[in-house]
Protein backbone atom coordinates (compact mmCIF):
# COMPACT_ATOMS: atom_id res chain seq x y z
CA MET A 1 124.37 -51.50 145.52
CA LEU A 2 121.88 -49.72 143.19
CA GLU A 3 120.76 -52.70 140.94
CA ASN A 4 117.27 -52.44 142.36
CA TYR A 5 116.55 -49.23 141.38
CA ASN A 6 115.57 -47.72 137.78
CA GLU A 7 117.85 -45.76 135.80
CA VAL A 8 115.74 -42.13 137.03
CA LEU A 9 115.44 -41.61 140.58
CA ASN A 10 113.20 -39.51 142.64
CA ILE A 11 113.56 -37.57 145.84
CA LYS A 12 112.30 -40.76 148.00
CA ASP A 13 114.74 -42.85 146.02
CA ILE A 14 117.92 -40.78 146.90
CA CYS A 15 116.95 -40.45 150.59
CA ALA A 16 116.97 -44.02 150.97
CA ILE A 17 120.24 -44.45 149.05
CA LEU A 18 122.23 -42.01 150.79
CA ARG A 19 120.44 -42.51 154.08
CA ILE A 20 119.38 -38.62 154.31
CA GLY A 21 116.59 -36.74 155.22
CA ARG A 22 114.14 -35.18 152.15
CA LYS A 23 115.47 -31.56 153.13
CA THR A 24 118.97 -32.47 152.79
CA ALA A 25 118.19 -34.03 149.36
CA TYR A 26 116.65 -30.89 148.37
CA HIS A 27 119.67 -29.12 149.42
CA LEU A 28 121.93 -31.38 147.47
CA LEU A 29 119.92 -30.71 144.18
CA GLN A 30 119.51 -26.81 144.68
CA ASP A 31 123.34 -26.08 145.84
CA GLY A 32 124.16 -28.45 142.20
CA GLU A 33 126.16 -31.10 144.32
CA ILE A 34 123.72 -33.63 142.21
CA PRO A 35 122.35 -32.68 138.67
CA TYR A 36 118.83 -33.05 138.34
CA ARG A 37 115.66 -32.16 135.97
CA ARG A 38 112.57 -30.95 137.06
CA ILE A 39 109.51 -32.17 135.46
CA GLY A 40 106.39 -30.00 136.97
CA ARG A 41 106.42 -30.89 140.66
CA ASN A 42 108.86 -33.92 140.16
CA TYR A 43 112.73 -33.97 140.51
CA LYS A 44 114.30 -36.67 138.23
CA ILE A 45 118.13 -37.80 139.07
CA ARG A 46 119.71 -40.24 136.86
CA LYS A 47 121.28 -42.79 138.61
CA ASP A 48 124.91 -42.51 137.48
CA ALA A 49 124.78 -38.89 138.80
CA ILE A 50 124.10 -40.53 142.49
CA ILE A 51 126.89 -42.96 141.83
CA GLU A 52 129.24 -40.16 140.70
CA TYR A 53 128.22 -38.13 143.90
CA LEU A 54 129.43 -41.38 145.91
CA ASN A 55 132.76 -41.62 144.26
CA LYS A 56 133.36 -38.03 144.64
CA ASN A 57 132.60 -37.81 148.08
């Protein structure tokens, strides 16, 4: 399912994977549902964090 994606994702990628909007994606990150790192203005999310989120929900 996620073979076409890099190991580190951005907001655009998680929106496509989860089929959600940008605002919802930012809420998931800010609420701690999905762990992330912020580098400057960019959000970086590990692919395994998305897989873990999908398995949990």
